[in-house]
Amino acid sequence: MELNIQEIRKLLNILSDELEKLDDKKLILSNDDLYWNIPDKEMYDPYKEPTDFTMGSLAEDCFFTEGFKRRTGND
């Protein structure tokens, strides 16, 4: 499978434009921000039930992206 980077950029721009149309310019994450994280090798095998679960957190994901933006000078 190949992904065209220009198409991904176009879709992200459309998503950003739609988010900016919202009255409240912020998205609020609830305290229930945990999710199940399943490794790709298990997630995409429909013939085997996943067993290697970890927990993910939207708040931690946001902190990670903020740090990434600072390190790359895009803040």
C-alpha atoms as a PDB file:
ATOM      1  CA  MET A   1       0.000   0.000   0.000  1.00  0.00           C
ATOM      2  CA  GLU A   2       1.280   3.455  -0.853  1.00  0.00           C
ATOM      3  CA  LEU A   3       0.145   6.759   0.609  1.00  0.00           C
ATOM      4  CA  ASN A   4       0.486   9.957  -1.338  1.00  0.00           C
ATOM      5  CA  ILE A   5       1.861  12.589   1.029  1.00  0.00           C
ATOM      6  CA  GLN A   6       0.119  15.405  -0.871  1.00  0.00           C
ATOM      7  CA  GLU A   7      -3.248  13.660  -0.409  1.00  0.00           C
ATOM      8  CA  ILE A   8      -2.595  13.211   3.309  1.00  0.00           C
ATOM      9  CA  ARG A   9      -1.664  16.900   3.582  1.00  0.00           C
ATOM     10  CA  LYS A  10      -4.857  17.840   1.720  1.00  0.00           C
ATOM     11  CA  LEU A  11      -7.006  15.743   4.079  1.00  0.00           C
ATOM     12  CA  LEU A  12      -5.300  17.185   7.163  1.00  0.00           C
ATOM     13  CA  ASN A  13      -5.881  20.705   5.835  1.00  0.00           C
ATOM     14  CA  ILE A  14      -9.564  19.947   5.265  1.00  0.00           C
ATOM     15  CA  LEU A  15      -9.861  18.585   8.806  1.00  0.00           C
ATOM     16  CA  SER A  16      -8.084  21.658  10.221  1.00  0.00           C
ATOM     17  CA  ASP A  17     -10.337  23.995   8.250  1.00  0.00           C
ATOM     18  CA  GLU A  18     -13.457  22.243   9.556  1.00  0.00           C
ATOM     19  CA  LEU A  19     -12.203  22.358  13.149  1.00  0.00           C
ATOM     20  CA  GLU A  20     -11.534  26.088  12.845  1.00  0.00           C
ATOM     21  CA  LYS A  21     -15.173  26.631  11.839  1.00  0.00           C
ATOM     22  CA  LEU A  22     -16.315  25.473  15.265  1.00  0.00           C
ATOM     23  CA  ASP A  23     -17.626  28.183  17.587  1.00  0.00           C
ATOM     24  CA  ASP A  24     -15.362  27.080  20.413  1.00  0.00           C
ATOM     25  CA  LYS A  25     -11.833  27.029  19.020  1.00  0.00           C
ATOM     26  CA  LYS A  26     -10.711  24.371  21.504  1.00  0.00           C
ATOM     27  CA  LEU A  27     -11.344  20.672  21.784  1.00  0.00           C
ATOM     28  CA  ILE A  28     -11.882  19.555  25.349  1.00  0.00           C
ATOM     29  CA  LEU A  29     -10.710  16.111  26.353  1.00  0.00           C
ATOM     30  CA  SER A  30     -12.650  14.395  29.086  1.00  0.00           C
ATOM     31  CA  ASN A  31     -11.012  12.771  32.071  1.00  0.00           C
ATOM     32  CA  ASP A  32     -11.878   9.443  30.430  1.00  0.00           C
ATOM     33  CA  ASP A  33      -9.045   9.734  27.935  1.00  0.00           C
ATOM     34  CA  LEU A  34      -7.699   6.179  28.178  1.00  0.00           C
ATOM     35  CA  TYR A  35      -7.893   3.767  25.278  1.00  0.00           C
ATOM     36  CA  TRP A  36      -6.692   0.278  24.447  1.00  0.00           C
ATOM     37  CA  ASN A  37      -3.530   0.232  22.367  1.00  0.00           C
ATOM     38  CA  ILE A  38      -3.095  -2.916  20.276  1.00  0.00           C
ATOM     39  CA  PRO A  39       0.174  -3.519  18.387  1.00  0.00           C
ATOM     40  CA  ASP A  40      -0.169  -3.407  14.580  1.00  0.00           C
ATOM     41  CA  LYS A  41       0.819  -7.050  14.145  1.00  0.00           C
ATOM     42  CA  GLU A  42      -2.206  -8.057  16.219  1.00  0.00           C
ATOM     43  CA  MET A  43      -4.581  -5.284  15.207  1.00  0.00           C
ATOM     44  CA  TYR A  44      -4.525  -6.190  11.530  1.00  0.00           C
ATOM     45  CA  ASP A  45      -4.757  -9.966  11.878  1.00  0.00           C
ATOM     46  CA  PRO A  46      -8.493 -10.724  11.720  1.00  0.00           C
ATOM     47  CA  TYR A  47      -7.892 -14.424  12.355  1.00  0.00           C
ATOM     48  CA  LYS A  48      -6.318 -14.014  15.782  1.00  0.00           C
ATOM     49  CA  GLU A  49      -7.778 -12.341  18.844  1.00  0.00           C
ATOM     50  CA  PRO A  50      -5.403  -9.654  20.179  1.00  0.00           C
ATOM     51  CA  THR A  51      -3.721 -10.481  23.493  1.00  0.00           C
ATOM     52  CA  ASP A  52      -0.931  -7.890  23.816  1.00  0.00           C
ATOM     53  CA  PHE A  53      -2.899  -4.856  25.035  1.00  0.00           C
ATOM     54  CA  THR A  54      -1.444  -1.734  26.570  1.00  0.00           C
ATOM     55  CA  MET A  55      -3.172   1.452  27.684  1.00  0.00           C
ATOM     56  CA  GLY A  56      -2.908   4.714  25.795  1.00  0.00           C
ATOM     57  CA  SER A  57      -3.863   8.190  26.955  1.00  0.00           C
ATOM     58  CA  LEU A  58      -5.047  11.101  24.817  1.00  0.00           C
ATOM     59  CA  ALA A  59      -3.531  13.525  27.340  1.00  0.00           C
ATOM     60  CA  GLU A  60      -0.128  11.829  27.030  1.00  0.00           C
ATOM     61  CA  ASP A  61      -0.490  11.856  23.243  1.00  0.00           C
ATOM     62  CA  CYS A  62      -1.099  15.624  23.382  1.00  0.00           C
ATOM     63  CA  PHE A  63       1.977  16.167  25.570  1.00  0.00           C
ATOM     64  CA  PHE A  64       4.014  14.099  23.098  1.00  0.00           C
ATOM     65  CA  THR A  65       2.854  16.143  20.101  1.00  0.00           C
ATOM     66  CA  GLU A  66       3.549  19.424  21.941  1.00  0.00           C
ATOM     67  CA  GLY A  67       7.094  18.239  22.686  1.00  0.00           C
ATOM     68  CA  PHE A  68       7.525  17.178  19.067  1.00  0.00           C
ATOM     69  CA  LYS A  69       6.411  20.605  17.854  1.00  0.00           C
ATOM     70  CA  ARG A  70       8.909  22.327  20.176  1.00  0.00           C
ATOM     71  CA  ARG A  71      11.795  20.049  19.130  1.00  0.00           C
ATOM     72  CA  THR A  72      11.107  20.672  15.452  1.00  0.00           C
ATOM     73  CA  GLY A  73      10.619  24.424  15.905  1.00  0.00           C
ATOM     74  CA  ASN A  74       6.969  24.315  14.789  1.00  0.00           C
ATOM     75  CA  ASP A  75       5.319  25.724  17.892  1.00  0.00           C
END
